[in-house]
Amino acid sequence: MLAAALACFFGMLILNGLPRLHHPIFNVEDFDLASRNRFFLSIRATDPAFDRESTRAELESLQPLRVIEVPA
C-alpha cells in the first residue's frame, strides 16, 4: 500500500514537471521588485493561438514600464 502511494505521488510530480526550482523569468533584471512595489505578468508562448506581435502591441498599449521577452 505504501509503495503504491509513493509511486502515485512521485508519478504525479514527474508528470506535472515538478519541482521546477528555476524558471527563466527569475533572470529578468529587476525581477525582485515584483514582490515590493510592482508586479510581473508572464504570458506563455506555447499556446497555438498565441501571436507575438499582437500580444506585444496589446501590452504596450497599456503603457507599462517595460515589456520584456524572456527566452525559454
PDB file of N, CA and C in Angstrom:
ATOM      1  N   MET A   1       0.826  -1.182   0.000  1.00  0.00           N
ATOM      2  CA  MET A   1       0.000   0.000   0.000  1.00  0.00           C
ATOM      3  C   MET A   1       0.885   1.266   0.000  1.00  0.00           C
ATOM      4  N   LEU A   2       1.912   1.236   0.823  1.00  0.00           N
ATOM      5  CA  LEU A   2       2.818   2.376   0.892  1.00  0.00           C
ATOM      6  C   LEU A   2       3.544   2.579  -0.435  1.00  0.00           C
ATOM      7  N   ALA A   3       3.965   1.498  -1.052  1.00  0.00           N
ATOM      8  CA  ALA A   3       4.668   1.590  -2.331  1.00  0.00           C
ATOM      9  C   ALA A   3       3.760   2.181  -3.411  1.00  0.00           C
ATOM     10  N   ALA A   4       2.490   1.783  -3.413  1.00  0.00           N
ATOM     11  CA  ALA A   4       1.541   2.314  -4.398  1.00  0.00           C
ATOM     12  C   ALA A   4       1.321   3.808  -4.170  1.00  0.00           C
ATOM     13  N   ALA A   5       1.198   4.222  -2.922  1.00  0.00           N
ATOM     14  CA  ALA A   5       1.002   5.640  -2.606  1.00  0.00           C
ATOM     15  C   ALA A   5       2.220   6.456  -3.020  1.00  0.00           C
ATOM     16  N   LEU A   6       3.414   5.948  -2.736  1.00  0.00           N
ATOM     17  CA  LEU A   6       4.626   6.659  -3.125  1.00  0.00           C
ATOM     18  C   LEU A   6       4.775   6.719  -4.643  1.00  0.00           C
ATOM     19  N   ALA A   7       4.445   5.634  -5.321  1.00  0.00           N
ATOM     20  CA  ALA A   7       4.512   5.619  -6.784  1.00  0.00           C
ATOM     21  C   ALA A   7       3.547   6.644  -7.374  1.00  0.00           C
ATOM     22  N   CYS A   8       2.353   6.749  -6.839  1.00  0.00           N
ATOM     23  CA  CYS A   8       1.388   7.745  -7.317  1.00  0.00           C
ATOM     24  C   CYS A   8       1.892   9.158  -7.052  1.00  0.00           C
ATOM     25  N   PHE A   9       2.429   9.381  -5.872  1.00  0.00           N
ATOM     26  CA  PHE A   9       2.920  10.708  -5.513  1.00  0.00           C
ATOM     27  C   PHE A   9       4.063  11.140  -6.427  1.00  0.00           C
ATOM     28  N   PHE A  10       5.081  10.296  -6.581  1.00  0.00           N
ATOM     29  CA  PHE A  10       6.214  10.648  -7.422  1.00  0.00           C
ATOM     30  C   PHE A  10       5.837  10.668  -8.906  1.00  0.00           C
ATOM     31  N   GLY A  11       4.914   9.822  -9.315  1.00  0.00           N
ATOM     32  CA  GLY A  11       4.419   9.849 -10.691  1.00  0.00           C
ATOM     33  C   GLY A  11       3.719  11.165 -11.001  1.00  0.00           C
ATOM     34  N   MET A  12       2.927  11.664 -10.050  1.00  0.00           N
ATOM     35  CA  MET A  12       2.253  12.944 -10.225  1.00  0.00           C
ATOM     36  C   MET A  12       3.278  14.076 -10.353  1.00  0.00           C
ATOM     37  N   LEU A  13       4.316  14.071  -9.515  1.00  0.00           N
ATOM     38  CA  LEU A  13       5.345  15.100  -9.586  1.00  0.00           C
ATOM     39  C   LEU A  13       6.050  15.080 -10.940  1.00  0.00           C
ATOM     40  N   ILE A  14       6.380  13.906 -11.418  1.00  0.00           N
ATOM     41  CA  ILE A  14       7.085  13.786 -12.698  1.00  0.00           C
ATOM     42  C   ILE A  14       6.198  14.228 -13.853  1.00  0.00           C
ATOM     43  N   LEU A  15       4.939  13.804 -13.875  1.00  0.00           N
ATOM     44  CA  LEU A  15       4.037  14.168 -14.963  1.00  0.00           C
ATOM     45  C   LEU A  15       3.703  15.659 -14.972  1.00  0.00           C
ATOM     46  N   ASN A  16       3.692  16.284 -13.823  1.00  0.00           N
ATOM     47  CA  ASN A  16       3.419  17.722 -13.743  1.00  0.00           C
ATOM     48  C   ASN A  16       4.677  18.559 -13.935  1.00  0.00           C
ATOM     49  N   GLY A  17       5.824  17.934 -14.062  1.00  0.00           N
ATOM     50  CA  GLY A  17       7.074  18.655 -14.257  1.00  0.00           C
ATOM     51  C   GLY A  17       7.558  19.338 -12.995  1.00  0.00           C
ATOM     52  N   LEU A  18       7.174  18.828 -11.870  1.00  0.00           N
ATOM     53  CA  LEU A  18       7.561  19.432 -10.590  1.00  0.00           C
ATOM     54  C   LEU A  18       8.673  18.626  -9.952  1.00  0.00           C
ATOM     55  N   PRO A  19       9.450  19.138  -9.107  1.00  0.00           N
ATOM     56  CA  PRO A  19       9.545  20.555  -8.780  1.00  0.00           C
ATOM     57  C   PRO A  19      10.444  21.270  -9.774  1.00  0.00           C
ATOM     58  N   ARG A  20       9.997  22.394 -10.235  1.00  0.00           N
ATOM     59  CA  ARG A  20      10.817  23.235 -11.112  1.00  0.00           C
ATOM     60  C   ARG A  20      11.372  24.346 -10.239  1.00  0.00           C
ATOM     61  N   LEU A  21      12.595  24.185  -9.824  1.00  0.00           N
ATOM     62  CA  LEU A  21      13.192  25.094  -8.867  1.00  0.00           C
ATOM     63  C   LEU A  21      13.728  26.365  -9.519  1.00  0.00           C
ATOM     64  N   HIS A  22      13.851  26.362 -10.840  1.00  0.00           N
ATOM     65  CA  HIS A  22      14.357  27.544 -11.532  1.00  0.00           C
ATOM     66  C   HIS A  22      13.489  27.813 -12.756  1.00  0.00           C
ATOM     67  N   HIS A  23      13.140  29.071 -12.957  1.00  0.00           N
ATOM     68  CA  HIS A  23      12.369  29.474 -14.119  1.00  0.00           C
ATOM     69  C   HIS A  23      13.127  30.609 -14.802  1.00  0.00           C
ATOM     70  N   PRO A  24      13.148  30.685 -16.125  1.00  0.00           N
ATOM     71  CA  PRO A  24      13.909  31.728 -16.818  1.00  0.00           C
ATOM     72  C   PRO A  24      13.494  33.155 -16.441  1.00  0.00           C
ATOM     73  N   ILE A  25      12.269  33.348 -15.979  1.00  0.00           N
ATOM     74  CA  ILE A  25      11.829  34.699 -15.616  1.00  0.00           C
ATOM     75  C   ILE A  25      12.587  35.237 -14.402  1.00  0.00           C
ATOM     76  N   PHE A  26      13.169  34.341 -13.615  1.00  0.00           N
ATOM     77  CA  PHE A  26      13.945  34.786 -12.458  1.00  0.00           C
ATOM     78  C   PHE A  26      15.209  35.539 -12.876  1.00  0.00           C
ATOM     79  N   ASN A  27      15.656  35.384 -14.123  1.00  0.00           N
ATOM     80  CA  ASN A  27      16.858  36.064 -14.608  1.00  0.00           C
ATOM     81  C   ASN A  27      16.589  37.468 -15.129  1.00  0.00           C
ATOM     82  N   VAL A  28      15.321  37.863 -15.212  1.00  0.00           N
ATOM     83  CA  VAL A  28      14.969  39.187 -15.725  1.00  0.00           C
ATOM     84  C   VAL A  28      15.449  40.257 -14.747  1.00  0.00           C
ATOM     85  N   GLU A  29      16.035  41.310 -15.317  1.00  0.00           N
ATOM     86  CA  GLU A  29      16.514  42.415 -14.487  1.00  0.00           C
ATOM     87  C   GLU A  29      15.351  43.023 -13.702  1.00  0.00           C
ATOM     88  N   ASP A  30      15.569  43.326 -12.454  1.00  0.00           N
ATOM     89  CA  ASP A  30      14.578  43.932 -11.550  1.00  0.00           C
ATOM     90  C   ASP A  30      13.413  43.005 -11.200  1.00  0.00           C
ATOM     91  N   PHE A  31      13.579  41.697 -11.376  1.00  0.00           N
ATOM     92  CA  PHE A  31      12.504  40.771 -11.003  1.00  0.00           C
ATOM     93  C   PHE A  31      12.200  40.854  -9.512  1.00  0.00           C
ATOM     94  N   ASP A  32      13.195  41.174  -8.709  1.00  0.00           N
ATOM     95  CA  ASP A  32      12.980  41.259  -7.263  1.00  0.00           C
ATOM     96  C   ASP A  32      12.027  42.385  -6.887  1.00  0.00           C
ATOM     97  N   LEU A  33      11.817  43.374  -7.757  1.00  0.00           N
ATOM     98  CA  LEU A  33      10.869  44.451  -7.469  1.00  0.00           C
ATOM     99  C   LEU A  33       9.420  43.976  -7.528  1.00  0.00           C
ATOM    100  N   ALA A  34       9.180  42.822  -8.121  1.00  0.00           N
ATOM    101  CA  ALA A  34       7.813  42.316  -8.238  1.00  0.00           C
ATOM    102  C   ALA A  34       7.184  42.075  -6.883  1.00  0.00           C
ATOM    103  N   SER A  35       7.969  41.763  -5.887  1.00  0.00           N
ATOM    104  CA  SER A  35       7.410  41.500  -4.563  1.00  0.00           C
ATOM    105  C   SER A  35       7.357  42.754  -3.693  1.00  0.00           C
ATOM    106  N   ARG A  36       7.930  43.849  -4.154  1.00  0.00           N
ATOM    107  CA  ARG A  36       7.939  45.068  -3.338  1.00  0.00           C
ATOM    108  C   ARG A  36       6.909  46.088  -3.793  1.00  0.00           C
ATOM    109  N   ASN A  37       7.073  46.606  -4.992  1.00  0.00           N
ATOM    110  CA  ASN A  37       6.176  47.675  -5.399  1.00  0.00           C
ATOM    111  C   ASN A  37       5.673  47.548  -6.832  1.00  0.00           C
ATOM    112  N   ARG A  38       5.918  46.422  -7.457  1.00  0.00           N
ATOM    113  CA  ARG A  38       5.480  46.200  -8.831  1.00  0.00           C
ATOM    114  C   ARG A  38       5.044  44.751  -8.995  1.00  0.00           C
ATOM    115  N   PHE A  39       4.621  44.403 -10.199  1.00  0.00           N
ATOM    116  CA  PHE A  39       4.276  43.009 -10.459  1.00  0.00           C
ATOM    117  C   PHE A  39       4.717  42.639 -11.864  1.00  0.00           C
ATOM    118  N   PHE A  40       4.799  41.343 -12.102  1.00  0.00           N
ATOM    119  CA  PHE A  40       5.160  40.810 -13.402  1.00  0.00           C
ATOM    120  C   PHE A  40       3.965  40.055 -13.955  1.00  0.00           C
ATOM    121  N   LEU A  41       3.795  40.144 -15.244  1.00  0.00           N
ATOM    122  CA  LEU A  41       2.794  39.364 -15.945  1.00  0.00           C
ATOM    123  C   LEU A  41       3.545  38.476 -16.923  1.00  0.00           C
ATOM    124  N   SER A  42       3.352  37.192 -16.795  1.00  0.00           N
ATOM    125  CA  SER A  42       4.043  36.240 -17.650  1.00  0.00           C
ATOM    126  C   SER A  42       3.031  35.573 -18.575  1.00  0.00           C
ATOM    127  N   ILE A  43       3.274  35.640 -19.868  1.00  0.00           N
ATOM    128  CA  ILE A  43       2.401  35.016 -20.865  1.00  0.00           C
ATOM    129  C   ILE A  43       3.216  33.956 -21.582  1.00  0.00           C
ATOM    130  N   ARG A  44       2.762  32.736 -21.517  1.00  0.00           N
ATOM    131  CA  ARG A  44       3.494  31.640 -22.153  1.00  0.00           C
ATOM    132  C   ARG A  44       3.195  31.588 -23.644  1.00  0.00           C
ATOM    133  N   ALA A  45       4.197  31.322 -24.434  1.00  0.00           N
ATOM    134  CA  ALA A  45       4.069  31.310 -25.889  1.00  0.00           C
ATOM    135  C   ALA A  45       3.773  29.924 -26.439  1.00  0.00           C
ATOM    136  N   THR A  46       3.431  28.965 -25.600  1.00  0.00           N
ATOM    137  CA  THR A  46       3.184  27.605 -26.087  1.00  0.00           C
ATOM    138  C   THR A  46       1.758  27.412 -26.599  1.00  0.00           C
ATOM    139  N   ASP A  47       0.879  28.362 -26.380  1.00  0.00           N
ATOM    140  CA  ASP A  47      -0.499  28.270 -26.854  1.00  0.00           C
ATOM    141  C   ASP A  47      -0.520  28.416 -28.379  1.00  0.00           C
ATOM    142  N   PRO A  48      -1.229  27.541 -29.095  1.00  0.00           N
ATOM    143  CA  PRO A  48      -1.253  27.638 -30.559  1.00  0.00           C
ATOM    144  C   PRO A  48      -1.888  28.943 -31.053  1.00  0.00           C
ATOM    145  N   ALA A  49      -2.749  29.573 -30.252  1.00  0.00           N
ATOM    146  CA  ALA A  49      -3.396  30.816 -30.649  1.00  0.00           C
ATOM    147  C   ALA A  49      -2.556  32.050 -30.313  1.00  0.00           C
ATOM    148  N   PHE A  50      -1.383  31.848 -29.749  1.00  0.00           N
ATOM    149  CA  PHE A  50      -0.521  32.964 -29.346  1.00  0.00           C
ATOM    150  C   PHE A  50       0.076  33.643 -30.569  1.00  0.00           C
ATOM    151  N   ASP A  51       0.000  34.971 -30.605  1.00  0.00           N
ATOM    152  CA  ASP A  51       0.605  35.762 -31.671  1.00  0.00           C
ATOM    153  C   ASP A  51       1.517  36.793 -31.019  1.00  0.00           C
ATOM    154  N   ARG A  52       2.802  36.679 -31.244  1.00  0.00           N
ATOM    155  CA  ARG A  52       3.802  37.502 -30.570  1.00  0.00           C
ATOM    156  C   ARG A  52       3.588  38.999 -30.813  1.00  0.00           C
ATOM    157  N   GLU A  53       3.356  39.399 -32.064  1.00  0.00           N
ATOM    158  CA  GLU A  53       3.245  40.819 -32.381  1.00  0.00           C
ATOM    159  C   GLU A  53       1.989  41.446 -31.786  1.00  0.00           C
ATOM    160  N   SER A  54       0.844  40.764 -31.913  1.00  0.00           N
ATOM    161  CA  SER A  54      -0.398  41.344 -31.378  1.00  0.00           C
ATOM    162  C   SER A  54      -0.383  41.375 -29.849  1.00  0.00           C
ATOM    163  N   THR A  55       0.231  40.380 -29.222  1.00  0.00           N
ATOM    164  CA  THR A  55       0.330  40.379 -27.761  1.00  0.00           C
ATOM    165  C   THR A  55       1.222  41.518 -27.296  1.00  0.00           C
ATOM    166  N   ARG A  56       2.344  41.713 -27.963  1.00  0.00           N
ATOM    167  CA  ARG A  56       3.245  42.815 -27.598  1.00  0.00           C
ATOM    168  C   ARG A  56       2.548  44.162 -27.789  1.00  0.00           C
ATOM    169  N   ALA A  57       1.831  44.329 -28.907  1.00  0.00           N
ATOM    170  CA  ALA A  57       1.126  45.589 -29.159  1.00  0.00           C
ATOM    171  C   ALA A  57       0.052  45.840 -28.098  1.00  0.00           C
ATOM    172  N   GLU A  58      -0.661  44.810 -27.727  1.00  0.00           N
ATOM    173  CA  GLU A  58      -1.705  44.953 -26.694  1.00  0.00           C
ATOM    174  C   GLU A  58      -1.091  45.336 -25.350  1.00  0.00           C
ATOM    175  N   LEU A  59      -0.011  44.689 -24.987  1.00  0.00           N
ATOM    176  CA  LEU A  59       0.637  45.016 -23.717  1.00  0.00           C
ATOM    177  C   LEU A  59       1.206  46.434 -23.729  1.00  0.00           C
ATOM    178  N   GLU A  60       1.812  46.842 -24.840  1.00  0.00           N
ATOM    179  CA  GLU A  60       2.379  48.183 -24.913  1.00  0.00           C
ATOM    180  C   GLU A  60       1.303  49.261 -24.944  1.00  0.00           C
ATOM    181  N   SER A  61       0.104  48.918 -25.391  1.00  0.00           N
ATOM    182  CA  SER A  61      -0.987  49.899 -25.375  1.00  0.00           C
ATOM    183  C   SER A  61      -1.438  50.225 -23.947  1.00  0.00           C
ATOM    184  N   LEU A  62      -1.095  49.372 -22.996  1.00  0.00           N
ATOM    185  CA  LEU A  62      -1.441  49.597 -21.589  1.00  0.00           C
ATOM    186  C   LEU A  62      -0.432  50.487 -20.879  1.00  0.00           C
ATOM    187  N   GLN A  63       0.595  50.944 -21.596  1.00  0.00           N
ATOM    188  CA  GLN A  63       1.642  51.832 -21.104  1.00  0.00           C
ATOM    189  C   GLN A  63       2.374  51.284 -19.876  1.00  0.00           C
ATOM    190  N   PRO A  64       2.967  50.095 -20.000  1.00  0.00           N
ATOM    191  CA  PRO A  64       3.738  49.545 -18.884  1.00  0.00           C
ATOM    192  C   PRO A  64       5.105  50.220 -18.789  1.00  0.00           C
ATOM    193  N   LEU A  65       5.822  49.942 -17.720  1.00  0.00           N
ATOM    194  CA  LEU A  65       7.189  50.455 -17.605  1.00  0.00           C
ATOM    195  C   LEU A  65       8.072  49.824 -18.670  1.00  0.00           C
ATOM    196  N   ARG A  66       7.882  48.522 -18.906  1.00  0.00           N
ATOM    197  CA  ARG A  66       8.610  47.844 -19.973  1.00  0.00           C
ATOM    198  C   ARG A  66       7.952  46.506 -20.297  1.00  0.00           C
ATOM    199  N   VAL A  67       8.179  46.057 -21.508  1.00  0.00           N
ATOM    200  CA  VAL A  67       7.737  44.737 -21.962  1.00  0.00           C
ATOM    201  C   VAL A  67       8.999  43.983 -22.358  1.00  0.00           C
ATOM    202  N   ILE A  68       9.233  42.853 -21.707  1.00  0.00           N
ATOM    203  CA  ILE A  68      10.461  42.091 -21.921  1.00  0.00           C
ATOM    204  C   ILE A  68      10.100  40.689 -22.401  1.00  0.00           C
ATOM    205  N   GLU A  69      10.784  40.240 -23.437  1.00  0.00           N
ATOM    206  CA  GLU A  69      10.618  38.872 -23.910  1.00  0.00           C
ATOM    207  C   GLU A  69      11.687  38.027 -23.242  1.00  0.00           C
ATOM    208  N   VAL A  70      11.266  36.977 -22.556  1.00  0.00           N
ATOM    209  CA  VAL A  70      12.180  36.109 -21.819  1.00  0.00           C
ATOM    210  C   VAL A  70      12.406  34.843 -22.625  1.00  0.00           C
ATOM    211  N   PRO A  71      13.644  34.560 -23.010  1.00  0.00           N
ATOM    212  CA  PRO A  71      13.903  33.324 -23.755  1.00  0.00           C
ATOM    213  C   PRO A  71      13.719  32.102 -22.846  1.00  0.00           C
ATOM    214  N   ALA A  72      13.191  31.055 -23.416  1.00  0.00           N
ATOM    215  CA  ALA A  72      12.948  29.841 -22.634  1.00  0.00           C
ATOM    216  C   ALA A  72      14.158  29.073 -22.480  1.00  0.00           C
TER     217      ALA A  72
END
